[in-house]
Amino acid sequence: MGLEAKHLAVPHPYWPRNLELQHYIPNDRPMWQILTFLFSVSGLLLIVTWLIARWQNRTAAPFGTWRSLAICWFAVCGFIHGVIEGWFSLYHKEIAGDQSFLSQLWKEYAKGDSRYVISDNFTVCVETITAFAWGPLSIWTVLAFLSDQPHRFVLQLIVSLGQLYGDVLYFSTEYLEGFSHSEIGHPIYFWFYFVFMNALWIIIPSILILDAWKHLSTCQKITDAGKFKKH
């Protein structure tokens, strides 16, 4: 019994402090390497998408700055949802003891939310939906705007609403648990990892929902006006 208890008491940096992780292995990569990878790939995607959106030959009017940034957002979402969150969805049971780069990325992020190293049921479900629904749909949204597909704002509305709904649930479930999976007030793990990085998926989707609402409502008004004139 003593040996079993000793085996369970693996030292780790997560909250709550009495959390037991049987197979946890500390990262052998420093935080700066992991964050550099995340922001470098996201930044590269943003730049490439921006250049494509601004320089492509279009039959319609060129994209403005706001629309180009929105397209870049969906490109970055496609990478984060499909690749990073997709990895969590597939390998969440092994992450705590795995030393693959993306597993180490999740172990680093879990310092702000330990639900990602304990295969929390809600987290697994919401990240699986995000990875396999919003990831591909984000890429489709990028392609829809670049090729002037008529359903582009419908896609923008669907993806943004899904992101907003998932993130509201993400914050609210942790709130109801008293923020027990993070060190409340920590400048990096709580405020940057948990609050700031997730708040982006509330603020930006909310703006994009309003944007899609405006465009779709305008199109419907034009259609309704045309029907009235026809009659």
C-alpha atoms as a PDB file:
ATOM      1  CA  MET A   1       0.000   0.000   0.000  1.00  0.00           C
ATOM      2  CA  GLY A   2       2.853   2.368   0.840  1.00  0.00           C
ATOM      3  CA  LEU A   3       4.604   1.650  -2.451  1.00  0.00           C
ATOM      4  CA  GLU A   4       1.368   2.250  -4.381  1.00  0.00           C
ATOM      5  CA  ALA A   5       0.780   5.600  -2.693  1.00  0.00           C
ATOM      6  CA  LYS A   6       4.354   6.605  -3.414  1.00  0.00           C
ATOM      7  CA  HIS A   7       3.865   5.683  -7.079  1.00  0.00           C
ATOM      8  CA  LEU A   8       0.766   7.867  -7.326  1.00  0.00           C
ATOM      9  CA  ALA A   9       2.386  10.892  -5.683  1.00  0.00           C
ATOM     10  CA  VAL A  10       4.328  12.006  -8.768  1.00  0.00           C
ATOM     11  CA  PRO A  11       5.474  15.645  -8.385  1.00  0.00           C
ATOM     12  CA  HIS A  12       3.841  17.960 -10.921  1.00  0.00           C
ATOM     13  CA  PRO A  13       3.159  21.698 -11.401  1.00  0.00           C
ATOM     14  CA  TYR A  14      -0.632  21.447 -11.699  1.00  0.00           C
ATOM     15  CA  TRP A  15      -3.599  22.493  -9.611  1.00  0.00           C
ATOM     16  CA  PRO A  16      -5.154  21.384  -7.364  1.00  0.00           C
ATOM     17  CA  ARG A  17      -1.916  20.478  -5.652  1.00  0.00           C
ATOM     18  CA  ASN A  18      -3.310  17.122  -4.455  1.00  0.00           C
ATOM     19  CA  LEU A  19      -4.004  16.054  -8.037  1.00  0.00           C
ATOM     20  CA  GLU A  20      -2.637  12.560  -8.674  1.00  0.00           C
ATOM     21  CA  LEU A  21      -1.043  11.812 -12.056  1.00  0.00           C
ATOM     22  CA  GLN A  22       0.255   8.273 -12.237  1.00  0.00           C
ATOM     23  CA  HIS A  23       2.295   8.531 -15.416  1.00  0.00           C
ATOM     24  CA  TYR A  24       3.276  12.208 -15.525  1.00  0.00           C
ATOM     25  CA  ILE A  25       6.697  13.034 -17.020  1.00  0.00           C
ATOM     26  CA  PRO A  26       7.964  16.646 -16.818  1.00  0.00           C
ATOM     27  CA  ASN A  27       8.648  18.466 -20.074  1.00  0.00           C
ATOM     28  CA  ASP A  28      12.224  18.449 -21.323  1.00  0.00           C
ATOM     29  CA  ARG A  29      11.561  21.515 -23.490  1.00  0.00           C
ATOM     30  CA  PRO A  30      11.513  25.005 -21.938  1.00  0.00           C
ATOM     31  CA  MET A  31       8.443  27.208 -22.102  1.00  0.00           C
ATOM     32  CA  TRP A  32      10.047  29.633 -24.569  1.00  0.00           C
ATOM     33  CA  GLN A  33      10.561  26.913 -27.190  1.00  0.00           C
ATOM     34  CA  ILE A  34       6.934  25.823 -26.996  1.00  0.00           C
ATOM     35  CA  LEU A  35       5.531  29.358 -27.151  1.00  0.00           C
ATOM     36  CA  THR A  36       7.953  30.287 -29.950  1.00  0.00           C
ATOM     37  CA  PHE A  37       6.660  27.379 -32.028  1.00  0.00           C
ATOM     38  CA  LEU A  38       3.018  28.271 -31.407  1.00  0.00           C
ATOM     39  CA  PHE A  39       3.334  31.964 -32.193  1.00  0.00           C
ATOM     40  CA  SER A  40       5.801  31.484 -35.062  1.00  0.00           C
ATOM     41  CA  VAL A  41       3.557  29.058 -36.939  1.00  0.00           C
ATOM     42  CA  SER A  42       0.481  31.188 -36.225  1.00  0.00           C
ATOM     43  CA  GLY A  43       2.339  34.315 -37.333  1.00  0.00           C
ATOM     44  CA  LEU A  44       3.578  32.657 -40.525  1.00  0.00           C
ATOM     45  CA  LEU A  45       0.060  31.491 -41.372  1.00  0.00           C
ATOM     46  CA  LEU A  46      -1.240  34.991 -40.735  1.00  0.00           C
ATOM     47  CA  ILE A  47       1.364  36.571 -43.027  1.00  0.00           C
ATOM     48  CA  VAL A  48       0.896  34.063 -45.848  1.00  0.00           C
ATOM     49  CA  THR A  49      -2.893  34.322 -45.695  1.00  0.00           C
ATOM     50  CA  TRP A  50      -2.701  38.112 -45.555  1.00  0.00           C
ATOM     51  CA  LEU A  51      -0.536  38.216 -48.687  1.00  0.00           C
ATOM     52  CA  ILE A  52      -2.845  35.831 -50.543  1.00  0.00           C
ATOM     53  CA  ALA A  53      -5.929  37.801 -49.528  1.00  0.00           C
ATOM     54  CA  ARG A  54      -4.400  41.157 -50.506  1.00  0.00           C
ATOM     55  CA  TRP A  55      -2.677  40.142 -53.747  1.00  0.00           C
ATOM     56  CA  GLN A  56      -4.956  37.609 -55.380  1.00  0.00           C
ATOM     57  CA  ASN A  57      -6.746  38.473 -58.617  1.00  0.00           C
ATOM     58  CA  ARG A  58     -10.429  38.903 -57.870  1.00  0.00           C
ATOM     59  CA  THR A  59     -13.403  39.702 -60.057  1.00  0.00           C
ATOM     60  CA  ALA A  60     -14.981  41.585 -57.170  1.00  0.00           C
ATOM     61  CA  ALA A  61     -13.512  44.493 -55.244  1.00  0.00           C
ATOM     62  CA  PRO A  62     -10.236  43.777 -53.382  1.00  0.00           C
ATOM     63  CA  PHE A  63     -10.429  42.778 -49.739  1.00  0.00           C
ATOM     64  CA  GLY A  64     -10.101  45.601 -47.269  1.00  0.00           C
ATOM     65  CA  THR A  65      -7.901  45.469 -44.172  1.00  0.00           C
ATOM     66  CA  TRP A  66     -10.714  44.266 -41.906  1.00  0.00           C
ATOM     67  CA  ARG A  67     -11.807  41.476 -44.237  1.00  0.00           C
ATOM     68  CA  SER A  68      -8.216  40.360 -44.798  1.00  0.00           C
ATOM     69  CA  LEU A  69      -7.659  40.151 -41.037  1.00  0.00           C
ATOM     70  CA  ALA A  70     -10.857  38.123 -40.640  1.00  0.00           C
ATOM     71  CA  ILE A  71      -9.653  35.648 -43.274  1.00  0.00           C
ATOM     72  CA  CYS A  72      -6.282  35.418 -41.485  1.00  0.00           C
ATOM     73  CA  TRP A  73      -8.113  34.678 -38.238  1.00  0.00           C
ATOM     74  CA  PHE A  74      -9.902  31.710 -39.763  1.00  0.00           C
ATOM     75  CA  ALA A  75      -6.626  30.394 -41.212  1.00  0.00           C
ATOM     76  CA  VAL A  76      -4.992  30.474 -37.766  1.00  0.00           C
ATOM     77  CA  CYS A  77      -8.116  28.870 -36.276  1.00  0.00           C
ATOM     78  CA  GLY A  78      -7.854  26.063 -38.814  1.00  0.00           C
ATOM     79  CA  PHE A  79      -4.315  25.320 -37.619  1.00  0.00           C
ATOM     80  CA  ILE A  80      -5.037  25.592 -33.897  1.00  0.00           C
ATOM     81  CA  HIS A  81      -8.319  23.676 -34.013  1.00  0.00           C
ATOM     82  CA  GLY A  82      -7.307  21.025 -36.516  1.00  0.00           C
ATOM     83  CA  VAL A  83      -3.701  20.343 -35.508  1.00  0.00           C
ATOM     84  CA  ILE A  84      -3.172  21.353 -31.876  1.00  0.00           C
ATOM     85  CA  GLU A  85      -6.631  20.641 -30.515  1.00  0.00           C
ATOM     86  CA  GLY A  86      -6.926  17.657 -32.833  1.00  0.00           C
ATOM     87  CA  TRP A  87      -3.831  16.201 -31.152  1.00  0.00           C
ATOM     88  CA  PHE A  88      -5.435  16.613 -27.748  1.00  0.00           C
ATOM     89  CA  SER A  89      -8.628  14.960 -28.931  1.00  0.00           C
ATOM     90  CA  LEU A  90      -6.758  11.912 -30.217  1.00  0.00           C
ATOM     91  CA  TYR A  91      -4.079  11.514 -27.527  1.00  0.00           C
ATOM     92  CA  HIS A  92      -5.518  13.099 -24.364  1.00  0.00           C
ATOM     93  CA  LYS A  93      -5.033   9.898 -22.355  1.00  0.00           C
ATOM     94  CA  GLU A  94      -1.297   9.767 -23.109  1.00  0.00           C
ATOM     95  CA  ILE A  95      -0.399  13.465 -22.894  1.00  0.00           C
ATOM     96  CA  ALA A  96       0.668  13.517 -19.218  1.00  0.00           C
ATOM     97  CA  GLY A  97       3.371  10.907 -19.835  1.00  0.00           C
ATOM     98  CA  ASP A  98       4.198  11.645 -23.478  1.00  0.00           C
ATOM     99  CA  GLN A  99       7.177  13.695 -24.652  1.00  0.00           C
ATOM    100  CA  SER A 100       6.006  14.435 -28.199  1.00  0.00           C
ATOM    101  CA  PHE A 101       6.226  18.148 -28.979  1.00  0.00           C
ATOM    102  CA  LEU A 102       2.460  18.727 -29.088  1.00  0.00           C
ATOM    103  CA  SER A 103       1.980  16.731 -25.896  1.00  0.00           C
ATOM    104  CA  GLN A 104       4.570  18.952 -24.217  1.00  0.00           C
ATOM    105  CA  LEU A 105       2.698  21.970 -25.548  1.00  0.00           C
ATOM    106  CA  TRP A 106      -0.462  20.726 -23.840  1.00  0.00           C
ATOM    107  CA  LYS A 107       1.408  19.931 -20.611  1.00  0.00           C
ATOM    108  CA  GLU A 108       2.693  23.498 -20.626  1.00  0.00           C
ATOM    109  CA  TYR A 109      -0.773  24.931 -21.237  1.00  0.00           C
ATOM    110  CA  ALA A 110      -2.221  22.647 -18.545  1.00  0.00           C
ATOM    111  CA  LYS A 111      -0.369  24.732 -15.958  1.00  0.00           C
ATOM    112  CA  GLY A 112      -3.219  27.165 -16.555  1.00  0.00           C
ATOM    113  CA  ASP A 113      -5.910  24.471 -16.753  1.00  0.00           C
ATOM    114  CA  SER A 114      -5.061  21.004 -15.466  1.00  0.00           C
ATOM    115  CA  ARG A 115      -8.177  19.518 -17.070  1.00  0.00           C
ATOM    116  CA  TYR A 116      -5.955  18.907 -20.084  1.00  0.00           C
ATOM    117  CA  VAL A 117      -3.787  16.353 -18.292  1.00  0.00           C
ATOM    118  CA  ILE A 118      -6.582  14.442 -16.555  1.00  0.00           C
ATOM    119  CA  SER A 119      -8.782  13.741 -19.621  1.00  0.00           C
ATOM    120  CA  ASP A 120     -11.648  15.760 -18.161  1.00  0.00           C
ATOM    121  CA  ASN A 121     -14.874  14.628 -19.868  1.00  0.00           C
ATOM    122  CA  PHE A 122     -16.111  18.103 -20.783  1.00  0.00           C
ATOM    123  CA  THR A 123     -12.732  19.204 -22.107  1.00  0.00           C
ATOM    124  CA  VAL A 124     -12.345  16.100 -24.251  1.00  0.00           C
ATOM    125  CA  CYS A 125     -15.842  16.510 -25.703  1.00  0.00           C
ATOM    126  CA  VAL A 126     -15.585  20.222 -26.467  1.00  0.00           C
ATOM    127  CA  GLU A 127     -12.094  19.918 -27.955  1.00  0.00           C
ATOM    128  CA  THR A 128     -13.148  16.980 -30.127  1.00  0.00           C
ATOM    129  CA  ILE A 129     -16.039  18.979 -31.554  1.00  0.00           C
ATOM    130  CA  THR A 130     -13.740  21.952 -32.040  1.00  0.00           C
ATOM    131  CA  ALA A 131     -11.072  19.903 -33.799  1.00  0.00           C
ATOM    132  CA  PHE A 132     -13.262  17.932 -36.162  1.00  0.00           C
ATOM    133  CA  ALA A 133     -15.990  20.517 -36.826  1.00  0.00           C
ATOM    134  CA  TRP A 134     -14.615  24.034 -36.433  1.00  0.00           C
ATOM    135  CA  GLY A 135     -11.129  23.138 -37.697  1.00  0.00           C
ATOM    136  CA  PRO A 136     -12.166  21.984 -41.207  1.00  0.00           C
ATOM    137  CA  LEU A 137     -14.947  24.567 -41.376  1.00  0.00           C
ATOM    138  CA  SER A 138     -12.426  27.329 -40.594  1.00  0.00           C
ATOM    139  CA  ILE A 139     -10.341  26.269 -43.601  1.00  0.00           C
ATOM    140  CA  TRP A 140     -13.484  26.087 -45.721  1.00  0.00           C
ATOM    141  CA  THR A 141     -14.351  29.622 -44.603  1.00  0.00           C
ATOM    142  CA  VAL A 142     -10.939  30.871 -45.768  1.00  0.00           C
ATOM    143  CA  LEU A 143     -11.375  29.215 -49.166  1.00  0.00           C
ATOM    144  CA  ALA A 144     -14.948  30.482 -49.428  1.00  0.00           C
ATOM    145  CA  PHE A 145     -13.861  34.090 -48.998  1.00  0.00           C
ATOM    146  CA  LEU A 146     -10.872  33.770 -51.309  1.00  0.00           C
ATOM    147  CA  SER A 147     -13.080  32.337 -54.068  1.00  0.00           C
ATOM    148  CA  ASP A 148     -16.140  34.560 -53.420  1.00  0.00           C
ATOM    149  CA  GLN A 149     -18.417  31.634 -52.653  1.00  0.00           C
ATOM    150  CA  PRO A 150     -21.969  32.807 -51.868  1.00  0.00           C
ATOM    151  CA  HIS A 151     -22.137  30.878 -48.589  1.00  0.00           C
ATOM    152  CA  ARG A 152     -19.018  32.505 -47.099  1.00  0.00           C
ATOM    153  CA  PHE A 153     -20.885  34.578 -44.513  1.00  0.00           C
ATOM    154  CA  VAL A 154     -23.031  31.596 -43.555  1.00  0.00           C
ATOM    155  CA  LEU A 155     -19.826  29.699 -42.790  1.00  0.00           C
ATOM    156  CA  GLN A 156     -18.451  32.658 -40.859  1.00  0.00           C
ATOM    157  CA  LEU A 157     -21.614  32.773 -38.761  1.00  0.00           C
ATOM    158  CA  ILE A 158     -21.662  29.017 -38.076  1.00  0.00           C
ATOM    159  CA  VAL A 159     -17.978  28.750 -37.120  1.00  0.00           C
ATOM    160  CA  SER A 160     -17.983  31.897 -34.982  1.00  0.00           C
ATOM    161  CA  LEU A 161     -21.155  30.882 -33.157  1.00  0.00           C
ATOM    162  CA  GLY A 162     -19.696  27.430 -32.468  1.00  0.00           C
ATOM    163  CA  GLN A 163     -16.459  28.939 -31.167  1.00  0.00           C
ATOM    164  CA  LEU A 164     -18.283  31.395 -28.939  1.00  0.00           C
ATOM    165  CA  TYR A 165     -20.612  28.736 -27.524  1.00  0.00           C
ATOM    166  CA  GLY A 166     -17.750  26.335 -26.776  1.00  0.00           C
ATOM    167  CA  ASP A 167     -15.645  29.018 -25.107  1.00  0.00           C
ATOM    168  CA  VAL A 168     -18.510  30.275 -22.947  1.00  0.00           C
ATOM    169  CA  LEU A 169     -19.023  26.699 -21.741  1.00  0.00           C
ATOM    170  CA  TYR A 170     -15.273  26.347 -21.206  1.00  0.00           C
ATOM    171  CA  PHE A 171     -15.119  29.375 -18.910  1.00  0.00           C
ATOM    172  CA  SER A 172     -18.448  28.752 -17.170  1.00  0.00           C
ATOM    173  CA  THR A 173     -17.707  25.123 -16.248  1.00  0.00           C
ATOM    174  CA  GLU A 174     -14.399  26.143 -14.690  1.00  0.00           C
ATOM    175  CA  TYR A 175     -16.095  29.043 -12.902  1.00  0.00           C
ATOM    176  CA  LEU A 176     -18.623  26.634 -11.369  1.00  0.00           C
ATOM    177  CA  GLU A 177     -15.710  24.512 -10.147  1.00  0.00           C
ATOM    178  CA  GLY A 178     -14.164  27.541  -8.454  1.00  0.00           C
ATOM    179  CA  PHE A 179     -11.229  27.837 -10.884  1.00  0.00           C
ATOM    180  CA  SER A 180      -9.776  24.830  -9.094  1.00  0.00           C
ATOM    181  CA  HIS A 181      -7.600  23.721 -12.020  1.00  0.00           C
ATOM    182  CA  SER A 182      -5.340  26.760 -12.090  1.00  0.00           C
ATOM    183  CA  GLU A 183      -3.328  28.981  -9.772  1.00  0.00           C
ATOM    184  CA  ILE A 184      -5.671  31.970  -9.603  1.00  0.00           C
ATOM    185  CA  GLY A 185      -3.845  35.247 -10.192  1.00  0.00           C
ATOM    186  CA  HIS A 186      -0.669  33.793 -11.694  1.00  0.00           C
ATOM    187  CA  PRO A 187       0.405  36.299 -14.398  1.00  0.00           C
ATOM    188  CA  ILE A 188       1.325  33.667 -16.993  1.00  0.00           C
ATOM    189  CA  TYR A 189      -0.593  30.487 -16.224  1.00  0.00           C
ATOM    190  CA  PHE A 190      -3.881  32.044 -15.154  1.00  0.00           C
ATOM    191  CA  TRP A 191      -4.066  35.465 -16.802  1.00  0.00           C
ATOM    192  CA  PHE A 192      -2.206  34.714 -20.042  1.00  0.00           C
ATOM    193  CA  TYR A 193      -2.809  31.006 -20.697  1.00  0.00           C
ATOM    194  CA  PHE A 194      -6.277  30.586 -19.248  1.00  0.00           C
ATOM    195  CA  VAL A 195      -7.902  34.022 -19.484  1.00  0.00           C
ATOM    196  CA  PHE A 196      -6.285  35.950 -22.348  1.00  0.00           C
ATOM    197  CA  MET A 197      -5.688  33.142 -24.855  1.00  0.00           C
ATOM    198  CA  ASN A 198      -9.248  31.871 -24.462  1.00  0.00           C
ATOM    199  CA  ALA A 199     -10.866  35.312 -24.308  1.00  0.00           C
ATOM    200  CA  LEU A 200      -9.788  35.796 -27.932  1.00  0.00           C
ATOM    201  CA  TRP A 201     -12.337  33.121 -28.893  1.00  0.00           C
ATOM    202  CA  ILE A 202     -15.071  35.155 -27.234  1.00  0.00           C
ATOM    203  CA  ILE A 203     -14.190  38.653 -28.419  1.00  0.00           C
ATOM    204  CA  ILE A 204     -13.296  37.944 -32.062  1.00  0.00           C
ATOM    205  CA  PRO A 205     -16.138  35.461 -32.807  1.00  0.00           C
ATOM    206  CA  SER A 206     -18.618  37.920 -31.265  1.00  0.00           C
ATOM    207  CA  ILE A 207     -17.444  40.618 -33.681  1.00  0.00           C
ATOM    208  CA  LEU A 208     -17.583  38.201 -36.613  1.00  0.00           C
ATOM    209  CA  ILE A 209     -21.109  37.081 -35.680  1.00  0.00           C
ATOM    210  CA  LEU A 210     -22.283  40.694 -35.824  1.00  0.00           C
ATOM    211  CA  ASP A 211     -20.440  41.162 -39.116  1.00  0.00           C
ATOM    212  CA  ALA A 212     -22.076  38.092 -40.669  1.00  0.00           C
ATOM    213  CA  TRP A 213     -25.465  39.146 -39.284  1.00  0.00           C
ATOM    214  CA  LYS A 214     -25.115  42.533 -40.994  1.00  0.00           C
ATOM    215  CA  HIS A 215     -24.171  41.069 -44.382  1.00  0.00           C
ATOM    216  CA  LEU A 216     -26.795  38.327 -44.353  1.00  0.00           C
ATOM    217  CA  SER A 217     -29.517  40.755 -43.241  1.00  0.00           C
ATOM    218  CA  THR A 218     -28.567  43.167 -46.027  1.00  0.00           C
ATOM    219  CA  CYS A 219     -28.759  40.374 -48.611  1.00  0.00           C
ATOM    220  CA  GLN A 220     -32.155  39.300 -47.290  1.00  0.00           C
ATOM    221  CA  LYS A 221     -33.457  42.891 -47.506  1.00  0.00           C
ATOM    222  CA  ILE A 222     -32.340  43.093 -51.138  1.00  0.00           C
ATOM    223  CA  THR A 223     -34.000  39.752 -51.898  1.00  0.00           C
ATOM    224  CA  ASP A 224     -37.221  40.800 -50.180  1.00  0.00           C
ATOM    225  CA  ALA A 225     -37.217  44.121 -52.040  1.00  0.00           C
ATOM    226  CA  GLY A 226     -36.769  42.297 -55.359  1.00  0.00           C
ATOM    227  CA  LYS A 227     -39.697  39.975 -54.600  1.00  0.00           C
ATOM    228  CA  PHE A 228     -41.891  42.964 -53.708  1.00  0.00           C
ATOM    229  CA  LYS A 229     -41.070  44.741 -56.983  1.00  0.00           C
ATOM    230  CA  LYS A 230     -41.709  41.574 -58.946  1.00  0.00           C
ATOM    231  CA  HIS A 231     -45.153  41.178 -57.426  1.00  0.00           C
END
